[in-house]
């Protein structure tokens, strides 16, 4: 079973078209992997894929700045 990081990396590569290196601590905004529009896209994907509900308060850049922080958000919402 793929990890959350692998699932998110696959999504970013296939749906957002990013072909560079993706590590858990990579600054996704600094490297222009994500922007404000793609936060909404990935949030919808996370809700569907992990069967959870994100609040508007969750949709802040800090929660989506790295794959590690996205995984932490998923963990918070699934616990």
C-alpha atoms as a PDB file:
ATOM      1  CA  UNK A   1       0.000   0.000   0.000  1.00  0.00           C
ATOM      2  CA  UNK A   2       1.503   3.378  -0.989  1.00  0.00           C
ATOM      3  CA  UNK A   3       2.201   5.947   1.721  1.00  0.00           C
ATOM      4  CA  UNK A   4       0.450   9.310   1.874  1.00  0.00           C
ATOM      5  CA  UNK A   5       3.620  10.972   0.565  1.00  0.00           C
ATOM      6  CA  UNK A   6       3.688   8.612  -2.426  1.00  0.00           C
ATOM      7  CA  UNK A   7      -0.014   9.174  -3.135  1.00  0.00           C
ATOM      8  CA  UNK A   8       0.401  12.958  -2.952  1.00  0.00           C
ATOM      9  CA  UNK A   9       3.572  12.865  -5.063  1.00  0.00           C
ATOM     10  CA  UNK A  10       1.810  10.830  -7.744  1.00  0.00           C
ATOM     11  CA  UNK A  11      -1.093  13.292  -7.760  1.00  0.00           C
ATOM     12  CA  UNK A  12       1.225  16.293  -8.045  1.00  0.00           C
ATOM     13  CA  UNK A  13       3.099  14.679 -10.908  1.00  0.00           C
ATOM     14  CA  UNK A  14       0.089  13.448 -12.886  1.00  0.00           C
ATOM     15  CA  UNK A  15      -2.509  16.130 -12.215  1.00  0.00           C
ATOM     16  CA  UNK A  16      -0.368  19.222 -11.682  1.00  0.00           C
ATOM     17  CA  UNK A  17       2.384  18.267 -14.124  1.00  0.00           C
ATOM     18  CA  UNK A  18       5.356  18.742 -11.814  1.00  0.00           C
ATOM     19  CA  UNK A  19       8.361  16.700 -12.946  1.00  0.00           C
ATOM     20  CA  UNK A  20      11.046  17.795 -10.491  1.00  0.00           C
ATOM     21  CA  UNK A  21      12.234  16.178  -7.287  1.00  0.00           C
ATOM     22  CA  UNK A  22       9.601  15.802  -4.557  1.00  0.00           C
ATOM     23  CA  UNK A  23      10.797  15.222  -1.017  1.00  0.00           C
ATOM     24  CA  UNK A  24       8.701  15.394   2.154  1.00  0.00           C
ATOM     25  CA  UNK A  25      10.317  18.720   3.166  1.00  0.00           C
ATOM     26  CA  UNK A  26      10.467  20.430  -0.251  1.00  0.00           C
ATOM     27  CA  UNK A  27       9.019  23.972  -0.133  1.00  0.00           C
ATOM     28  CA  UNK A  28       6.091  23.452  -2.517  1.00  0.00           C
ATOM     29  CA  UNK A  29       5.399  27.176  -2.901  1.00  0.00           C
ATOM     30  CA  UNK A  30       9.033  28.250  -3.149  1.00  0.00           C
ATOM     31  CA  UNK A  31       9.630  25.720  -5.915  1.00  0.00           C
ATOM     32  CA  UNK A  32       6.382  26.774  -7.637  1.00  0.00           C
ATOM     33  CA  UNK A  33       4.893  23.272  -7.304  1.00  0.00           C
ATOM     34  CA  UNK A  34       1.706  24.665  -5.729  1.00  0.00           C
ATOM     35  CA  UNK A  35      -0.104  27.986  -5.938  1.00  0.00           C
ATOM     36  CA  UNK A  36      -3.392  29.241  -4.490  1.00  0.00           C
ATOM     37  CA  UNK A  37      -5.463  27.508  -7.174  1.00  0.00           C
ATOM     38  CA  UNK A  38      -3.707  24.172  -6.803  1.00  0.00           C
ATOM     39  CA  UNK A  39      -4.340  24.227  -3.035  1.00  0.00           C
ATOM     40  CA  UNK A  40      -8.038  23.934  -3.837  1.00  0.00           C
ATOM     41  CA  UNK A  41      -7.354  21.144  -6.354  1.00  0.00           C
ATOM     42  CA  UNK A  42      -5.247  19.120  -3.956  1.00  0.00           C
ATOM     43  CA  UNK A  43      -7.706  19.740  -1.098  1.00  0.00           C
ATOM     44  CA  UNK A  44     -10.540  18.242  -3.166  1.00  0.00           C
ATOM     45  CA  UNK A  45      -8.293  15.290  -4.038  1.00  0.00           C
ATOM     46  CA  UNK A  46      -7.381  14.751  -0.361  1.00  0.00           C
ATOM     47  CA  UNK A  47     -11.025  14.791   0.697  1.00  0.00           C
ATOM     48  CA  UNK A  48     -11.969  12.256  -1.981  1.00  0.00           C
ATOM     49  CA  UNK A  49      -8.928   9.990  -1.665  1.00  0.00           C
ATOM     50  CA  UNK A  50      -8.713   9.890   2.131  1.00  0.00           C
ATOM     51  CA  UNK A  51     -12.458  10.187   2.831  1.00  0.00           C
ATOM     52  CA  UNK A  52     -12.205  13.170   5.131  1.00  0.00           C
ATOM     53  CA  UNK A  53     -13.605  16.662   5.416  1.00  0.00           C
ATOM     54  CA  UNK A  54     -11.380  19.735   5.396  1.00  0.00           C
ATOM     55  CA  UNK A  55     -12.549  22.990   6.960  1.00  0.00           C
ATOM     56  CA  UNK A  56     -11.988  26.406   5.423  1.00  0.00           C
ATOM     57  CA  UNK A  57      -9.472  27.011   8.233  1.00  0.00           C
ATOM     58  CA  UNK A  58      -7.429  24.073   6.897  1.00  0.00           C
ATOM     59  CA  UNK A  59      -6.968  25.696   3.483  1.00  0.00           C
ATOM     60  CA  UNK A  60      -4.027  27.890   4.415  1.00  0.00           C
ATOM     61  CA  UNK A  61      -0.609  27.905   2.821  1.00  0.00           C
ATOM     62  CA  UNK A  62       1.128  26.689   5.966  1.00  0.00           C
ATOM     63  CA  UNK A  63      -0.777  23.372   5.833  1.00  0.00           C
ATOM     64  CA  UNK A  64       0.226  22.850   2.192  1.00  0.00           C
ATOM     65  CA  UNK A  65       3.794  24.174   2.234  1.00  0.00           C
ATOM     66  CA  UNK A  66       5.414  20.704   2.255  1.00  0.00           C
ATOM     67  CA  UNK A  67       4.300  17.131   1.725  1.00  0.00           C
ATOM     68  CA  UNK A  68       5.050  16.493   5.408  1.00  0.00           C
ATOM     69  CA  UNK A  69       2.639  19.229   6.458  1.00  0.00           C
ATOM     70  CA  UNK A  70      -0.051  17.890   4.124  1.00  0.00           C
ATOM     71  CA  UNK A  71       0.394  14.424   5.647  1.00  0.00           C
ATOM     72  CA  UNK A  72       0.125  15.972   9.133  1.00  0.00           C
ATOM     73  CA  UNK A  73      -3.130  17.655   8.085  1.00  0.00           C
ATOM     74  CA  UNK A  74      -4.458  14.328   6.815  1.00  0.00           C
ATOM     75  CA  UNK A  75      -3.478  12.659  10.100  1.00  0.00           C
ATOM     76  CA  UNK A  76      -5.162  15.424  12.102  1.00  0.00           C
ATOM     77  CA  UNK A  77      -8.405  15.072  10.132  1.00  0.00           C
ATOM     78  CA  UNK A  78      -8.485  11.274  10.235  1.00  0.00           C
ATOM     79  CA  UNK A  79      -7.859  10.970  13.976  1.00  0.00           C
END
